[in-house]
N, C-alpha and C. Protein backbone atom coordinates (compact mmCIF):
# COMPACT_ATOMS: atom_id res chain seq x y z
N MET A 1 3.01 -17.99 -4.55
CA MET A 1 1.68 -17.41 -4.48
C MET A 1 1.18 -17.21 -5.89
N GLY A 2 -0.08 -17.50 -6.09
CA GLY A 2 -0.56 -17.44 -7.45
C GLY A 2 -1.40 -16.25 -7.80
N ASP A 3 -2.40 -15.94 -6.98
CA ASP A 3 -3.42 -14.99 -7.42
C ASP A 3 -3.99 -14.24 -6.22
N ILE A 4 -4.60 -13.11 -6.50
CA ILE A 4 -5.25 -12.33 -5.46
C ILE A 4 -6.32 -13.17 -4.76
N LYS A 5 -7.02 -13.97 -5.53
CA LYS A 5 -8.11 -14.79 -4.97
C LYS A 5 -7.61 -15.77 -3.91
N ASP A 6 -6.33 -16.09 -3.94
CA ASP A 6 -5.76 -17.00 -2.94
C ASP A 6 -5.59 -16.32 -1.57
N VAL A 7 -5.46 -15.01 -1.56
CA VAL A 7 -5.20 -14.27 -0.33
C VAL A 7 -6.50 -13.79 0.32
N ILE A 8 -7.53 -13.60 -0.46
CA ILE A 8 -8.80 -13.05 0.04
C ILE A 8 -9.36 -13.86 1.21
N PRO A 9 -9.41 -15.21 1.14
CA PRO A 9 -9.96 -15.96 2.29
C PRO A 9 -9.20 -15.71 3.60
N LEU A 10 -7.89 -15.59 3.52
CA LEU A 10 -7.07 -15.32 4.70
C LEU A 10 -7.45 -13.97 5.31
N ILE A 11 -7.60 -12.97 4.47
CA ILE A 11 -7.93 -11.63 4.95
C ILE A 11 -9.36 -11.60 5.49
N CYS A 12 -10.28 -12.29 4.82
CA CYS A 12 -11.66 -12.35 5.31
C CYS A 12 -11.72 -13.04 6.68
N GLU A 13 -10.93 -14.07 6.85
CA GLU A 13 -10.89 -14.77 8.12
C GLU A 13 -10.43 -13.83 9.24
N MET A 14 -9.41 -13.03 8.96
CA MET A 14 -8.94 -12.07 9.96
C MET A 14 -10.01 -11.03 10.26
N SER A 15 -10.79 -10.64 9.25
CA SER A 15 -11.81 -9.61 9.47
C SER A 15 -12.95 -10.11 10.35
N GLU A 16 -13.03 -11.42 10.57
CA GLU A 16 -14.07 -12.00 11.41
C GLU A 16 -13.54 -12.47 12.76
N ASP A 17 -12.25 -12.29 13.01
CA ASP A 17 -11.61 -12.74 14.25
C ASP A 17 -11.97 -11.79 15.39
N ARG A 18 -12.73 -12.28 16.34
CA ARG A 18 -13.21 -11.46 17.46
C ARG A 18 -12.09 -11.04 18.42
N ARG A 19 -10.92 -11.64 18.30
CA ARG A 19 -9.79 -11.24 19.14
C ARG A 19 -9.17 -9.93 18.67
N ILE A 20 -9.49 -9.55 17.44
CA ILE A 20 -8.99 -8.30 16.86
C ILE A 20 -10.01 -7.20 17.13
N PRO A 21 -9.58 -6.03 17.59
CA PRO A 21 -10.52 -4.93 17.87
C PRO A 21 -11.38 -4.59 16.65
N ARG A 22 -12.61 -4.17 16.92
CA ARG A 22 -13.60 -3.93 15.87
C ARG A 22 -13.13 -2.93 14.80
N ASN A 23 -12.49 -1.85 15.22
CA ASN A 23 -12.06 -0.84 14.25
C ASN A 23 -10.99 -1.41 13.30
N ILE A 24 -10.15 -2.28 13.81
CA ILE A 24 -9.12 -2.89 12.98
C ILE A 24 -9.75 -3.92 12.04
N ARG A 25 -10.71 -4.69 12.56
CA ARG A 25 -11.43 -5.66 11.71
C ARG A 25 -12.12 -4.94 10.56
N ALA A 26 -12.66 -3.76 10.82
CA ALA A 26 -13.33 -2.98 9.77
C ALA A 26 -12.34 -2.60 8.68
N MET A 27 -11.13 -2.22 9.06
CA MET A 27 -10.11 -1.87 8.06
C MET A 27 -9.68 -3.10 7.27
N ILE A 28 -9.57 -4.23 7.95
CA ILE A 28 -9.19 -5.47 7.28
C ILE A 28 -10.29 -5.88 6.29
N LYS A 29 -11.54 -5.72 6.70
CA LYS A 29 -12.68 -6.03 5.81
C LYS A 29 -12.65 -5.11 4.60
N GLU A 30 -12.33 -3.85 4.82
CA GLU A 30 -12.22 -2.89 3.72
C GLU A 30 -11.13 -3.32 2.74
N ALA A 31 -10.03 -3.85 3.26
CA ALA A 31 -8.95 -4.35 2.40
C ALA A 31 -9.43 -5.54 1.57
N ALA A 32 -10.17 -6.45 2.20
CA ALA A 32 -10.71 -7.60 1.48
C ALA A 32 -11.68 -7.15 0.39
N ASP A 33 -12.52 -6.18 0.72
CA ASP A 33 -13.46 -5.65 -0.27
C ASP A 33 -12.73 -5.00 -1.44
N ALA A 34 -11.64 -4.29 -1.14
CA ALA A 34 -10.86 -3.63 -2.20
C ALA A 34 -10.29 -4.67 -3.17
N LEU A 35 -9.88 -5.81 -2.64
CA LEU A 35 -9.31 -6.86 -3.49
C LEU A 35 -10.36 -7.51 -4.38
N GLN A 36 -11.62 -7.39 -4.01
CA GLN A 36 -12.68 -8.04 -4.76
C GLN A 36 -13.38 -7.12 -5.76
N LYS A 37 -12.97 -5.87 -5.82
CA LYS A 37 -13.60 -4.93 -6.76
C LYS A 37 -13.34 -5.36 -8.19
N GLU A 38 -14.40 -5.43 -8.96
CA GLU A 38 -14.29 -5.85 -10.35
C GLU A 38 -13.80 -4.72 -11.26
N ASP A 39 -14.08 -3.48 -10.88
CA ASP A 39 -13.81 -2.35 -11.76
C ASP A 39 -12.44 -1.70 -11.55
N GLU A 40 -11.58 -2.34 -10.77
CA GLU A 40 -10.24 -1.80 -10.50
C GLU A 40 -9.18 -2.72 -11.10
N SER A 41 -8.04 -2.15 -11.44
CA SER A 41 -6.93 -2.98 -11.92
C SER A 41 -6.30 -3.69 -10.73
N ASP A 42 -5.58 -4.77 -11.00
CA ASP A 42 -4.94 -5.52 -9.92
C ASP A 42 -3.94 -4.65 -9.15
N VAL A 43 -3.26 -3.77 -9.85
CA VAL A 43 -2.28 -2.90 -9.19
C VAL A 43 -2.96 -2.00 -8.17
N VAL A 44 -4.09 -1.43 -8.53
CA VAL A 44 -4.83 -0.54 -7.63
C VAL A 44 -5.39 -1.35 -6.45
N LYS A 45 -5.94 -2.52 -6.73
CA LYS A 45 -6.48 -3.38 -5.68
C LYS A 45 -5.41 -3.71 -4.65
N LEU A 46 -4.25 -4.14 -5.13
CA LEU A 46 -3.16 -4.52 -4.24
C LEU A 46 -2.65 -3.34 -3.43
N SER A 47 -2.46 -2.22 -4.07
CA SER A 47 -1.96 -1.02 -3.37
C SER A 47 -2.92 -0.59 -2.27
N THR A 48 -4.20 -0.58 -2.59
CA THR A 48 -5.21 -0.18 -1.61
C THR A 48 -5.22 -1.13 -0.42
N ALA A 49 -5.24 -2.43 -0.70
CA ALA A 49 -5.29 -3.43 0.37
C ALA A 49 -4.02 -3.37 1.23
N ILE A 50 -2.87 -3.24 0.60
CA ILE A 50 -1.62 -3.17 1.36
C ILE A 50 -1.62 -1.96 2.28
N ASN A 51 -2.03 -0.81 1.77
CA ASN A 51 -2.07 0.40 2.59
C ASN A 51 -3.01 0.24 3.79
N LEU A 52 -4.18 -0.32 3.55
CA LEU A 52 -5.14 -0.51 4.64
C LEU A 52 -4.61 -1.48 5.69
N LEU A 53 -4.02 -2.57 5.23
CA LEU A 53 -3.49 -3.56 6.17
C LEU A 53 -2.31 -3.01 6.96
N GLU A 54 -1.42 -2.28 6.29
CA GLU A 54 -0.29 -1.69 7.01
C GLU A 54 -0.77 -0.69 8.05
N GLU A 55 -1.76 0.10 7.69
CA GLU A 55 -2.30 1.07 8.64
C GLU A 55 -2.93 0.36 9.84
N SER A 56 -3.65 -0.73 9.58
CA SER A 56 -4.29 -1.46 10.68
C SER A 56 -3.25 -2.14 11.58
N SER A 57 -2.14 -2.57 11.01
CA SER A 57 -1.11 -3.24 11.82
C SER A 57 -0.37 -2.27 12.73
N ASN A 58 -0.47 -0.98 12.46
CA ASN A 58 0.19 0.03 13.29
C ASN A 58 -0.63 0.46 14.49
N ASP A 59 -1.85 -0.04 14.60
CA ASP A 59 -2.71 0.31 15.73
C ASP A 59 -2.11 -0.25 17.02
N PRO A 60 -1.97 0.57 18.05
CA PRO A 60 -1.35 0.09 19.29
C PRO A 60 -2.21 -0.92 20.06
N ASN A 61 -3.49 -1.03 19.73
CA ASN A 61 -4.39 -1.93 20.46
C ASN A 61 -4.41 -3.35 19.91
N ILE A 62 -3.65 -3.62 18.87
CA ILE A 62 -3.69 -4.95 18.26
C ILE A 62 -2.67 -5.87 18.96
N ALA A 63 -3.09 -7.11 19.14
CA ALA A 63 -2.20 -8.11 19.77
C ALA A 63 -1.09 -8.50 18.80
N ALA A 64 0.02 -8.94 19.36
CA ALA A 64 1.19 -9.29 18.54
C ALA A 64 0.87 -10.38 17.53
N PHE A 65 0.13 -11.41 17.94
CA PHE A 65 -0.18 -12.50 17.00
C PHE A 65 -1.04 -12.01 15.84
N SER A 66 -1.95 -11.07 16.10
CA SER A 66 -2.79 -10.52 15.04
C SER A 66 -1.96 -9.64 14.10
N ARG A 67 -1.05 -8.88 14.68
CA ARG A 67 -0.16 -8.04 13.87
C ARG A 67 0.67 -8.92 12.93
N THR A 68 1.14 -10.05 13.44
CA THR A 68 1.93 -10.98 12.62
C THR A 68 1.09 -11.54 11.48
N GLU A 69 -0.16 -11.88 11.75
CA GLU A 69 -1.05 -12.38 10.70
C GLU A 69 -1.24 -11.33 9.61
N ILE A 70 -1.41 -10.08 10.02
CA ILE A 70 -1.58 -9.00 9.05
C ILE A 70 -0.31 -8.83 8.22
N TRP A 71 0.84 -8.87 8.89
CA TRP A 71 2.11 -8.74 8.15
C TRP A 71 2.28 -9.86 7.14
N ASN A 72 1.86 -11.07 7.50
CA ASN A 72 1.94 -12.20 6.56
C ASN A 72 1.08 -11.93 5.33
N ALA A 73 -0.12 -11.42 5.55
CA ALA A 73 -1.00 -11.10 4.42
C ALA A 73 -0.39 -10.00 3.56
N VAL A 74 0.18 -8.98 4.21
CA VAL A 74 0.83 -7.89 3.47
C VAL A 74 1.99 -8.45 2.63
N SER A 75 2.76 -9.34 3.22
CA SER A 75 3.88 -9.94 2.50
C SER A 75 3.40 -10.68 1.26
N MET A 76 2.31 -11.43 1.39
CA MET A 76 1.76 -12.15 0.23
C MET A 76 1.30 -11.17 -0.85
N LEU A 77 0.63 -10.10 -0.42
CA LEU A 77 0.15 -9.11 -1.39
C LEU A 77 1.31 -8.38 -2.06
N GLU A 78 2.35 -8.07 -1.30
CA GLU A 78 3.52 -7.41 -1.89
C GLU A 78 4.21 -8.31 -2.90
N SER A 79 4.21 -9.60 -2.63
CA SER A 79 4.79 -10.56 -3.57
C SER A 79 4.00 -10.56 -4.88
N LEU A 80 2.68 -10.55 -4.76
CA LEU A 80 1.84 -10.48 -5.96
C LEU A 80 2.07 -9.17 -6.70
N GLN A 81 2.22 -8.10 -5.94
CA GLN A 81 2.44 -6.79 -6.53
C GLN A 81 3.76 -6.75 -7.30
N SER A 82 4.80 -7.34 -6.75
CA SER A 82 6.08 -7.34 -7.43
C SER A 82 6.05 -8.22 -8.69
N ASP A 83 5.21 -9.24 -8.68
CA ASP A 83 5.05 -10.07 -9.88
C ASP A 83 4.40 -9.29 -11.02
N LEU A 84 3.57 -8.31 -10.68
CA LEU A 84 2.89 -7.51 -11.70
C LEU A 84 3.80 -6.45 -12.30
N GLU A 85 4.83 -6.06 -11.58
CA GLU A 85 5.71 -4.97 -12.04
C GLU A 85 6.74 -5.43 -13.02
């Protein structure tokens, strides 16, 4: 994985998936927006997005396939985060 910009399209795609409940899509969109903030450091962007995605994946109303997609995105972001440390 190379850069935060590589993960943003995946997260944006999930935020538009109508199979995912609206409240969870809103949290996913918030995570995508956090990654695109110009005035934050990469560490803060990643931490914010990871927390939002993890919280959204814990919602009992989310389908298993959607939860897996979120976990994949979290894994990519955690990999980027560990590269920064």
